[in-house]
Amino acid sequence: MEDKITPEKLEKYFDLTSRALAEVKENIISGREVDAKEIVDMVSNYLSDAKHFEGKGDFINAFAALNYAHGWLDSGVRLKVFDVTDDKLFTVC
């Protein structure tokens, strides 16, 4: 069992969250643009925070920021702000 946050693990989740962010930007449900902007802004801020922490060698807080970022994306999907179906990038039902 891997119990360490490695640079490789961070890269995996940076990639996953960045791909998910790109996907939602292309799939905003009509009438939900204001909500989508708020979510996209928050995700972008958390991704920036994650990069900052990674640069300082603080992998724990970088990983935490990535998880918050992706949580915002999943929330937007569940609240029908975004119309996506990729169950590898999102928690979809």
PDB file of N, CA and C in Angstrom:
ATOM      1  N   MET A   1       0.842  -1.182   0.000  1.00  0.00           N
ATOM      2  CA  MET A   1       0.000   0.000   0.000  1.00  0.00           C
ATOM      3  C   MET A   1       0.887   1.246   0.000  1.00  0.00           C
ATOM      4  N   GLU A   2       0.561   2.171  -0.847  1.00  0.00           N
ATOM      5  CA  GLU A   2       1.309   3.426  -0.940  1.00  0.00           C
ATOM      6  C   GLU A   2       0.727   4.425   0.063  1.00  0.00           C
ATOM      7  N   ASP A   3       1.529   4.823   1.024  1.00  0.00           N
ATOM      8  CA  ASP A   3       1.047   5.755   2.042  1.00  0.00           C
ATOM      9  C   ASP A   3       1.816   7.070   2.032  1.00  0.00           C
ATOM     10  N   LYS A   4       2.446   7.371   0.898  1.00  0.00           N
ATOM     11  CA  LYS A   4       3.205   8.609   0.777  1.00  0.00           C
ATOM     12  C   LYS A   4       2.692   9.420  -0.410  1.00  0.00           C
ATOM     13  N   ILE A   5       2.747  10.712  -0.266  1.00  0.00           N
ATOM     14  CA  ILE A   5       2.395  11.584  -1.377  1.00  0.00           C
ATOM     15  C   ILE A   5       3.691  11.886  -2.122  1.00  0.00           C
ATOM     16  N   THR A   6       3.852  11.235  -3.234  1.00  0.00           N
ATOM     17  CA  THR A   6       5.062  11.350  -4.036  1.00  0.00           C
ATOM     18  C   THR A   6       4.864  12.394  -5.133  1.00  0.00           C
ATOM     19  N   PRO A   7       5.942  12.859  -5.730  1.00  0.00           N
ATOM     20  CA  PRO A   7       5.792  13.758  -6.889  1.00  0.00           C
ATOM     21  C   PRO A   7       4.955  13.114  -8.000  1.00  0.00           C
ATOM     22  N   GLU A   8       5.097  11.807  -8.187  1.00  0.00           N
ATOM     23  CA  GLU A   8       4.324  11.109  -9.214  1.00  0.00           C
ATOM     24  C   GLU A   8       2.828  11.110  -8.896  1.00  0.00           C
ATOM     25  N   LYS A   9       2.511  10.915  -7.625  1.00  0.00           N
ATOM     26  CA  LYS A   9       1.100  10.938  -7.223  1.00  0.00           C
ATOM     27  C   LYS A   9       0.525  12.341  -7.424  1.00  0.00           C
ATOM     28  N   LEU A  10       1.274  13.358  -7.056  1.00  0.00           N
ATOM     29  CA  LEU A  10       0.806  14.730  -7.275  1.00  0.00           C
ATOM     30  C   LEU A  10       0.581  14.980  -8.757  1.00  0.00           C
ATOM     31  N   GLU A  11       1.523  14.565  -9.593  1.00  0.00           N
ATOM     32  CA  GLU A  11       1.392  14.783 -11.032  1.00  0.00           C
ATOM     33  C   GLU A  11       0.134  14.103 -11.565  1.00  0.00           C
ATOM     34  N   LYS A  12      -0.135  12.892 -11.094  1.00  0.00           N
ATOM     35  CA  LYS A  12      -1.337  12.162 -11.511  1.00  0.00           C
ATOM     36  C   LYS A  12      -2.591  12.976 -11.202  1.00  0.00           C
ATOM     37  N   TYR A  13      -2.678  13.542  -9.995  1.00  0.00           N
ATOM     38  CA  TYR A  13      -3.871  14.276  -9.606  1.00  0.00           C
ATOM     39  C   TYR A  13      -3.926  15.680 -10.189  1.00  0.00           C
ATOM     40  N   PHE A  14      -2.772  16.295 -10.445  1.00  0.00           N
ATOM     41  CA  PHE A  14      -2.771  17.556 -11.199  1.00  0.00           C
ATOM     42  C   PHE A  14      -3.353  17.307 -12.588  1.00  0.00           C
ATOM     43  N   ASP A  15      -2.917  16.224 -13.227  1.00  0.00           N
ATOM     44  CA  ASP A  15      -3.404  15.895 -14.564  1.00  0.00           C
ATOM     45  C   ASP A  15      -4.900  15.609 -14.546  1.00  0.00           C
ATOM     46  N   LEU A  16      -5.348  14.785 -13.620  1.00  0.00           N
ATOM     47  CA  LEU A  16      -6.758  14.420 -13.516  1.00  0.00           C
ATOM     48  C   LEU A  16      -7.638  15.658 -13.324  1.00  0.00           C
ATOM     49  N   THR A  17      -7.269  16.508 -12.392  1.00  0.00           N
ATOM     50  CA  THR A  17      -8.081  17.684 -12.086  1.00  0.00           C
ATOM     51  C   THR A  17      -8.024  18.701 -13.219  1.00  0.00           C
ATOM     52  N   SER A  18      -6.876  18.854 -13.842  1.00  0.00           N
ATOM     53  CA  SER A  18      -6.763  19.784 -14.970  1.00  0.00           C
ATOM     54  C   SER A  18      -7.603  19.319 -16.156  1.00  0.00           C
ATOM     55  N   ARG A  19      -7.594  18.021 -16.428  1.00  0.00           N
ATOM     56  CA  ARG A  19      -8.435  17.487 -17.514  1.00  0.00           C
ATOM     57  C   ARG A  19      -9.916  17.654 -17.188  1.00  0.00           C
ATOM     58  N   ALA A  20     -10.278  17.418 -15.938  1.00  0.00           N
ATOM     59  CA  ALA A  20     -11.675  17.576 -15.525  1.00  0.00           C
ATOM     60  C   ALA A  20     -12.111  19.037 -15.642  1.00  0.00           C
ATOM     61  N   LEU A  21     -11.244  19.952 -15.266  1.00  0.00           N
ATOM     62  CA  LEU A  21     -11.564  21.378 -15.366  1.00  0.00           C
ATOM     63  C   LEU A  21     -11.797  21.765 -16.828  1.00  0.00           C
ATOM     64  N   ALA A  22     -10.936  21.308 -17.712  1.00  0.00           N
ATOM     65  CA  ALA A  22     -11.110  21.604 -19.135  1.00  0.00           C
ATOM     66  C   ALA A  22     -12.442  21.053 -19.646  1.00  0.00           C
ATOM     67  N   GLU A  23     -12.796  19.867 -19.188  1.00  0.00           N
ATOM     68  CA  GLU A  23     -14.046  19.221 -19.613  1.00  0.00           C
ATOM     69  C   GLU A  23     -15.263  20.030 -19.165  1.00  0.00           C
ATOM     70  N   VAL A  24     -15.291  20.474 -17.915  1.00  0.00           N
ATOM     71  CA  VAL A  24     -16.477  21.209 -17.459  1.00  0.00           C
ATOM     72  C   VAL A  24     -16.609  22.548 -18.150  1.00  0.00           C
ATOM     73  N   LYS A  25     -15.501  23.179 -18.472  1.00  0.00           N
ATOM     74  CA  LYS A  25     -15.554  24.477 -19.156  1.00  0.00           C
ATOM     75  C   LYS A  25     -16.271  24.372 -20.497  1.00  0.00           C
ATOM     76  N   GLU A  26     -16.218  23.195 -21.096  1.00  0.00           N
ATOM     77  CA  GLU A  26     -16.858  22.967 -22.401  1.00  0.00           C
ATOM     78  C   GLU A  26     -18.284  22.446 -22.270  1.00  0.00           C
ATOM     79  N   ASN A  27     -18.734  22.192 -21.040  1.00  0.00           N
ATOM     80  CA  ASN A  27     -20.033  21.528 -20.853  1.00  0.00           C
ATOM     81  C   ASN A  27     -20.870  22.177 -19.753  1.00  0.00           C
ATOM     82  N   ILE A  28     -20.980  23.483 -19.821  1.00  0.00           N
ATOM     83  CA  ILE A  28     -21.790  24.224 -18.848  1.00  0.00           C
ATOM     84  C   ILE A  28     -23.251  24.156 -19.280  1.00  0.00           C
ATOM     85  N   ILE A  29     -24.113  23.808 -18.352  1.00  0.00           N
ATOM     86  CA  ILE A  29     -25.538  23.721 -18.640  1.00  0.00           C
ATOM     87  C   ILE A  29     -26.109  25.131 -18.758  1.00  0.00           C
ATOM     88  N   SER A  30     -26.880  25.333 -19.818  1.00  0.00           N
ATOM     89  CA  SER A  30     -27.484  26.637 -20.088  1.00  0.00           C
ATOM     90  C   SER A  30     -28.263  27.128 -18.868  1.00  0.00           C
ATOM     91  N   GLY A  31     -28.042  28.370 -18.514  1.00  0.00           N
ATOM     92  CA  GLY A  31     -28.694  28.966 -17.355  1.00  0.00           C
ATOM     93  C   GLY A  31     -27.890  28.824 -16.077  1.00  0.00           C
ATOM     94  N   ARG A  32     -26.798  28.060 -16.114  1.00  0.00           N
ATOM     95  CA  ARG A  32     -25.975  27.832 -14.921  1.00  0.00           C
ATOM     96  C   ARG A  32     -24.602  28.514 -15.039  1.00  0.00           C
ATOM     97  N   GLU A  33     -24.491  29.468 -15.935  1.00  0.00           N
ATOM     98  CA  GLU A  33     -23.203  30.113 -16.193  1.00  0.00           C
ATOM     99  C   GLU A  33     -22.619  30.832 -14.974  1.00  0.00           C
ATOM    100  N   VAL A  34     -23.465  31.476 -14.188  1.00  0.00           N
ATOM    101  CA  VAL A  34     -22.971  32.175 -12.995  1.00  0.00           C
ATOM    102  C   VAL A  34     -22.398  31.176 -11.998  1.00  0.00           C
ATOM    103  N   ASP A  35     -23.114  30.088 -11.775  1.00  0.00           N
ATOM    104  CA  ASP A  35     -22.628  29.043 -10.873  1.00  0.00           C
ATOM    105  C   ASP A  35     -21.348  28.415 -11.414  1.00  0.00           C
ATOM    106  N   ALA A  36     -21.324  28.173 -12.713  1.00  0.00           N
ATOM    107  CA  ALA A  36     -20.142  27.564 -13.336  1.00  0.00           C
ATOM    108  C   ALA A  36     -18.921  28.456 -13.153  1.00  0.00           C
ATOM    109  N   LYS A  37     -19.094  29.752 -13.327  1.00  0.00           N
ATOM    110  CA  LYS A  37     -17.959  30.670 -13.168  1.00  0.00           C
ATOM    111  C   LYS A  37     -17.413  30.612 -11.754  1.00  0.00           C
ATOM    112  N   GLU A  38     -18.298  30.593 -10.773  1.00  0.00           N
ATOM    113  CA  GLU A  38     -17.849  30.524  -9.385  1.00  0.00           C
ATOM    114  C   GLU A  38     -17.066  29.239  -9.127  1.00  0.00           C
ATOM    115  N   ILE A  39     -17.566  28.133  -9.628  1.00  0.00           N
ATOM    116  CA  ILE A  39     -16.890  26.852  -9.430  1.00  0.00           C
ATOM    117  C   ILE A  39     -15.549  26.828 -10.154  1.00  0.00           C
ATOM    118  N   VAL A  40     -15.531  27.246 -11.408  1.00  0.00           N
ATOM    119  CA  VAL A  40     -14.285  27.265 -12.185  1.00  0.00           C
ATOM    120  C   VAL A  40     -13.255  28.161 -11.509  1.00  0.00           C
ATOM    121  N   ASP A  41     -13.681  29.302 -11.005  1.00  0.00           N
ATOM    122  CA  ASP A  41     -12.755  30.198 -10.301  1.00  0.00           C
ATOM    123  C   ASP A  41     -12.176  29.534  -9.053  1.00  0.00           C
ATOM    124  N   MET A  42     -13.024  28.876  -8.283  1.00  0.00           N
ATOM    125  CA  MET A  42     -12.546  28.202  -7.070  1.00  0.00           C
ATOM    126  C   MET A  42     -11.571  27.078  -7.415  1.00  0.00           C
ATOM    127  N   VAL A  43     -11.900  26.299  -8.433  1.00  0.00           N
ATOM    128  CA  VAL A  43     -11.016  25.209  -8.847  1.00  0.00           C
ATOM    129  C   VAL A  43      -9.677  25.769  -9.304  1.00  0.00           C
ATOM    130  N   SER A  44      -9.715  26.826 -10.081  1.00  0.00           N
ATOM    131  CA  SER A  44      -8.477  27.454 -10.555  1.00  0.00           C
ATOM    132  C   SER A  44      -7.641  27.959  -9.382  1.00  0.00           C
ATOM    133  N   ASN A  45      -8.286  28.541  -8.397  1.00  0.00           N
ATOM    134  CA  ASN A  45      -7.565  29.033  -7.217  1.00  0.00           C
ATOM    135  C   ASN A  45      -6.929  27.882  -6.439  1.00  0.00           C
ATOM    136  N   TYR A  46      -7.681  26.808  -6.250  1.00  0.00           N
ATOM    137  CA  TYR A  46      -7.117  25.661  -5.532  1.00  0.00           C
ATOM    138  C   TYR A  46      -5.985  25.008  -6.321  1.00  0.00           C
ATOM    139  N   LEU A  47      -6.095  24.950  -7.638  1.00  0.00           N
ATOM    140  CA  LEU A  47      -4.989  24.422  -8.444  1.00  0.00           C
ATOM    141  C   LEU A  47      -3.743  25.295  -8.291  1.00  0.00           C
ATOM    142  N   SER A  48      -3.948  26.601  -8.269  1.00  0.00           N
ATOM    143  CA  SER A  48      -2.832  27.518  -8.063  1.00  0.00           C
ATOM    144  C   SER A  48      -2.202  27.309  -6.691  1.00  0.00           C
ATOM    145  N   ASP A  49      -3.040  27.156  -5.680  1.00  0.00           N
ATOM    146  CA  ASP A  49      -2.533  26.878  -4.334  1.00  0.00           C
ATOM    147  C   ASP A  49      -1.734  25.579  -4.317  1.00  0.00           C
ATOM    148  N   ALA A  50      -2.243  24.559  -4.990  1.00  0.00           N
ATOM    149  CA  ALA A  50      -1.558  23.265  -5.031  1.00  0.00           C
ATOM    150  C   ALA A  50      -0.175  23.413  -5.668  1.00  0.00           C
ATOM    151  N   LYS A  51      -0.084  24.171  -6.751  1.00  0.00           N
ATOM    152  CA  LYS A  51       1.218  24.409  -7.401  1.00  0.00           C
ATOM    153  C   LYS A  51       2.166  25.141  -6.451  1.00  0.00           C
ATOM    154  N   HIS A  52       1.621  26.122  -5.737  1.00  0.00           N
ATOM    155  CA  HIS A  52       2.424  26.875  -4.770  1.00  0.00           C
ATOM    156  C   HIS A  52       3.002  25.936  -3.707  1.00  0.00           C
ATOM    157  N   PHE A  53       2.137  25.121  -3.120  1.00  0.00           N
ATOM    158  CA  PHE A  53       2.592  24.190  -2.084  1.00  0.00           C
ATOM    159  C   PHE A  53       3.582  23.171  -2.644  1.00  0.00           C
ATOM    160  N   GLU A  54       3.314  22.675  -3.837  1.00  0.00           N
ATOM    161  CA  GLU A  54       4.229  21.717  -4.454  1.00  0.00           C
ATOM    162  C   GLU A  54       5.618  22.357  -4.622  1.00  0.00           C
ATOM    163  N   GLY A  55       5.640  23.596  -5.064  1.00  0.00           N
ATOM    164  CA  GLY A  55       6.902  24.309  -5.251  1.00  0.00           C
ATOM    165  C   GLY A  55       7.685  24.487  -3.965  1.00  0.00           C
ATOM    166  N   LYS A  56       6.983  24.536  -2.853  1.00  0.00           N
ATOM    167  CA  LYS A  56       7.635  24.655  -1.544  1.00  0.00           C
ATOM    168  C   LYS A  56       8.000  23.294  -0.966  1.00  0.00           C
ATOM    169  N   GLY A  57       7.664  22.220  -1.695  1.00  0.00           N
ATOM    170  CA  GLY A  57       7.930  20.881  -1.188  1.00  0.00           C
ATOM    171  C   GLY A  57       6.904  20.402  -0.185  1.00  0.00           C
ATOM    172  N   ASP A  58       5.806  21.123  -0.060  1.00  0.00           N
ATOM    173  CA  ASP A  58       4.739  20.774   0.881  1.00  0.00           C
ATOM    174  C   ASP A  58       3.699  19.931   0.147  1.00  0.00           C
ATOM    175  N   PHE A  59       4.009  18.656  -0.017  1.00  0.00           N
ATOM    176  CA  PHE A  59       3.166  17.771  -0.803  1.00  0.00           C
ATOM    177  C   PHE A  59       1.835  17.476  -0.130  1.00  0.00           C
ATOM    178  N   ILE A  60       1.803  17.515   1.187  1.00  0.00           N
ATOM    179  CA  ILE A  60       0.549  17.243   1.897  1.00  0.00           C
ATOM    180  C   ILE A  60      -0.481  18.327   1.590  1.00  0.00           C
ATOM    181  N   ASN A  61      -0.100  19.576   1.721  1.00  0.00           N
ATOM    182  CA  ASN A  61      -1.048  20.652   1.433  1.00  0.00           C
ATOM    183  C   ASN A  61      -1.336  20.762  -0.060  1.00  0.00           C
ATOM    184  N   ALA A  62      -0.374  20.424  -0.900  1.00  0.00           N
ATOM    185  CA  ALA A  62      -0.628  20.405  -2.350  1.00  0.00           C
ATOM    186  C   ALA A  62      -1.705  19.374  -2.661  1.00  0.00           C
ATOM    187  N   PHE A  63      -1.577  18.186  -2.084  1.00  0.00           N
ATOM    188  CA  PHE A  63      -2.550  17.119  -2.314  1.00  0.00           C
ATOM    189  C   PHE A  63      -3.924  17.515  -1.754  1.00  0.00           C
ATOM    190  N   ALA A  64      -3.931  18.152  -0.606  1.00  0.00           N
ATOM    191  CA  ALA A  64      -5.196  18.607  -0.017  1.00  0.00           C
ATOM    192  C   ALA A  64      -5.871  19.625  -0.936  1.00  0.00           C
ATOM    193  N   ALA A  65      -5.112  20.573  -1.460  1.00  0.00           N
ATOM    194  CA  ALA A  65      -5.684  21.581  -2.362  1.00  0.00           C
ATOM    195  C   ALA A  65      -6.230  20.934  -3.628  1.00  0.00           C
ATOM    196  N   LEU A  66      -5.539  19.927  -4.142  1.00  0.00           N
ATOM    197  CA  LEU A  66      -6.039  19.209  -5.320  1.00  0.00           C
ATOM    198  C   LEU A  66      -7.355  18.513  -5.018  1.00  0.00           C
ATOM    199  N   ASN A  67      -7.468  17.945  -3.841  1.00  0.00           N
ATOM    200  CA  ASN A  67      -8.706  17.274  -3.471  1.00  0.00           C
ATOM    201  C   ASN A  67      -9.861  18.257  -3.318  1.00  0.00           C
ATOM    202  N   TYR A  68      -9.594  19.420  -2.750  1.00  0.00           N
ATOM    203  CA  TYR A  68     -10.629  20.448  -2.676  1.00  0.00           C
ATOM    204  C   TYR A  68     -11.044  20.879  -4.075  1.00  0.00           C
ATOM    205  N   ALA A  69     -10.075  21.083  -4.956  1.00  0.00           N
ATOM    206  CA  ALA A  69     -10.371  21.498  -6.333  1.00  0.00           C
ATOM    207  C   ALA A  69     -11.293  20.487  -7.003  1.00  0.00           C
ATOM    208  N   HIS A  70     -10.940  19.223  -6.877  1.00  0.00           N
ATOM    209  CA  HIS A  70     -11.748  18.212  -7.555  1.00  0.00           C
ATOM    210  C   HIS A  70     -13.116  18.062  -6.889  1.00  0.00           C
ATOM    211  N   GLY A  71     -13.172  18.273  -5.598  1.00  0.00           N
ATOM    212  CA  GLY A  71     -14.462  18.246  -4.909  1.00  0.00           C
ATOM    213  C   GLY A  71     -15.418  19.304  -5.444  1.00  0.00           C
ATOM    214  N   TRP A  72     -14.894  20.491  -5.739  1.00  0.00           N
ATOM    215  CA  TRP A  72     -15.723  21.540  -6.337  1.00  0.00           C
ATOM    216  C   TRP A  72     -16.265  21.082  -7.685  1.00  0.00           C
ATOM    217  N   LEU A  73     -15.415  20.440  -8.487  1.00  0.00           N
ATOM    218  CA  LEU A  73     -15.869  19.959  -9.799  1.00  0.00           C
ATOM    219  C   LEU A  73     -16.971  18.918  -9.643  1.00  0.00           C
ATOM    220  N   ASP A  74     -16.750  17.951  -8.768  1.00  0.00           N
ATOM    221  CA  ASP A  74     -17.766  16.916  -8.553  1.00  0.00           C
ATOM    222  C   ASP A  74     -19.072  17.515  -8.038  1.00  0.00           C
ATOM    223  N   SER A  75     -18.974  18.507  -7.182  1.00  0.00           N
ATOM    224  CA  SER A  75     -20.188  19.165  -6.685  1.00  0.00           C
ATOM    225  C   SER A  75     -20.959  19.822  -7.823  1.00  0.00           C
ATOM    226  N   GLY A  76     -20.229  20.485  -8.712  1.00  0.00           N
ATOM    227  CA  GLY A  76     -20.872  21.118  -9.864  1.00  0.00           C
ATOM    228  C   GLY A  76     -21.570  20.109 -10.761  1.00  0.00           C
ATOM    229  N   VAL A  77     -20.958  18.955 -10.907  1.00  0.00           N
ATOM    230  CA  VAL A  77     -21.581  17.892 -11.708  1.00  0.00           C
ATOM    231  C   VAL A  77     -22.856  17.412 -11.024  1.00  0.00           C
ATOM    232  N   ARG A  78     -22.763  17.136  -9.737  1.00  0.00           N
ATOM    233  CA  ARG A  78     -23.928  16.609  -9.005  1.00  0.00           C
ATOM    234  C   ARG A  78     -25.066  17.631  -8.923  1.00  0.00           C
ATOM    235  N   LEU A  79     -24.719  18.920  -8.906  1.00  0.00           N
ATOM    236  CA  LEU A  79     -25.736  19.978  -8.844  1.00  0.00           C
ATOM    237  C   LEU A  79     -26.221  20.393 -10.227  1.00  0.00           C
ATOM    238  N   LYS A  80     -25.794  19.647 -11.237  1.00  0.00           N
ATOM    239  CA  LYS A  80     -26.220  19.867 -12.618  1.00  0.00           C
ATOM    240  C   LYS A  80     -25.852  21.259 -13.139  1.00  0.00           C
ATOM    241  N   VAL A  81     -24.637  21.666 -12.803  1.00  0.00           N
ATOM    242  CA  VAL A  81     -24.065  22.882 -13.380  1.00  0.00           C
ATOM    243  C   VAL A  81     -23.328  22.512 -14.670  1.00  0.00           C
ATOM    244  N   PHE A  82     -22.780  21.305 -14.682  1.00  0.00           N
ATOM    245  CA  PHE A  82     -22.026  20.798 -15.828  1.00  0.00           C
ATOM    246  C   PHE A  82     -22.664  19.500 -16.321  1.00  0.00           C
ATOM    247  N   ASP A  83     -22.634  19.314 -17.622  1.00  0.00           N
ATOM    248  CA  ASP A  83     -23.185  18.102 -18.227  1.00  0.00           C
ATOM    249  C   ASP A  83     -22.022  17.242 -18.724  1.00  0.00           C
ATOM    250  N   VAL A  84     -21.534  16.368 -17.864  1.00  0.00           N
ATOM    251  CA  VAL A  84     -20.422  15.482 -18.199  1.00  0.00           C
ATOM    252  C   VAL A  84     -20.795  14.052 -17.826  1.00  0.00           C
ATOM    253  N   THR A  85     -20.145  13.096 -18.477  1.00  0.00           N
ATOM    254  CA  THR A  85     -20.474  11.697 -18.219  1.00  0.00           C
ATOM    255  C   THR A  85     -19.245  10.832 -17.941  1.00  0.00           C
ATOM    256  N   ASP A  86     -18.065  11.394 -18.006  1.00  0.00           N
ATOM    257  CA  ASP A  86     -16.823  10.616 -17.845  1.00  0.00           C
ATOM    258  C   ASP A  86     -16.644  10.219 -16.394  1.00  0.00           C
ATOM    259  N   ASP A  87     -16.909   8.936 -16.099  1.00  0.00           N
ATOM    260  CA  ASP A  87     -16.814   8.476 -14.717  1.00  0.00           C
ATOM    261  C   ASP A  87     -15.372   8.226 -14.273  1.00  0.00           C
ATOM    262  N   LYS A  88     -14.416   8.469 -15.139  1.00  0.00           N
ATOM    263  CA  LYS A  88     -13.000   8.412 -14.740  1.00  0.00           C
ATOM    264  C   LYS A  88     -12.534   9.777 -14.224  1.00  0.00           C
ATOM    265  N   LEU A  89     -13.235  10.830 -14.637  1.00  0.00           N
ATOM    266  CA  LEU A  89     -12.888  12.184 -14.205  1.00  0.00           C
ATOM    267  C   LEU A  89     -13.814  12.720 -13.112  1.00  0.00           C
ATOM    268  N   PHE A  90     -15.036  12.201 -13.036  1.00  0.00           N
ATOM    269  CA  PHE A  90     -16.037  12.770 -12.142  1.00  0.00           C
ATOM    270  C   PHE A  90     -16.809  11.679 -11.410  1.00  0.00           C
ATOM    271  N   THR A  91     -17.418  12.072 -10.299  1.00  0.00           N
ATOM    272  CA  THR A  91     -18.389  11.205  -9.637  1.00  0.00           C
ATOM    273  C   THR A  91     -19.717  11.484 -10.303  1.00  0.00           C
ATOM    274  N   VAL A  92     -20.110  10.594 -11.191  1.00  0.00           N
ATOM    275  CA  VAL A  92     -21.369  10.780 -11.910  1.00  0.00           C
ATOM    276  C   VAL A  92     -22.315   9.645 -11.565  1.00  0.00           C
ATOM    277  N   CYS A  93     -23.611   9.941 -11.633  1.00  0.00           N
ATOM    278  CA  CYS A  93     -24.590   8.894 -11.358  1.00  0.00           C
ATOM    279  C   CYS A  93     -25.578   8.790 -12.482  1.00  0.00           C
TER     280      CYS A  93
END
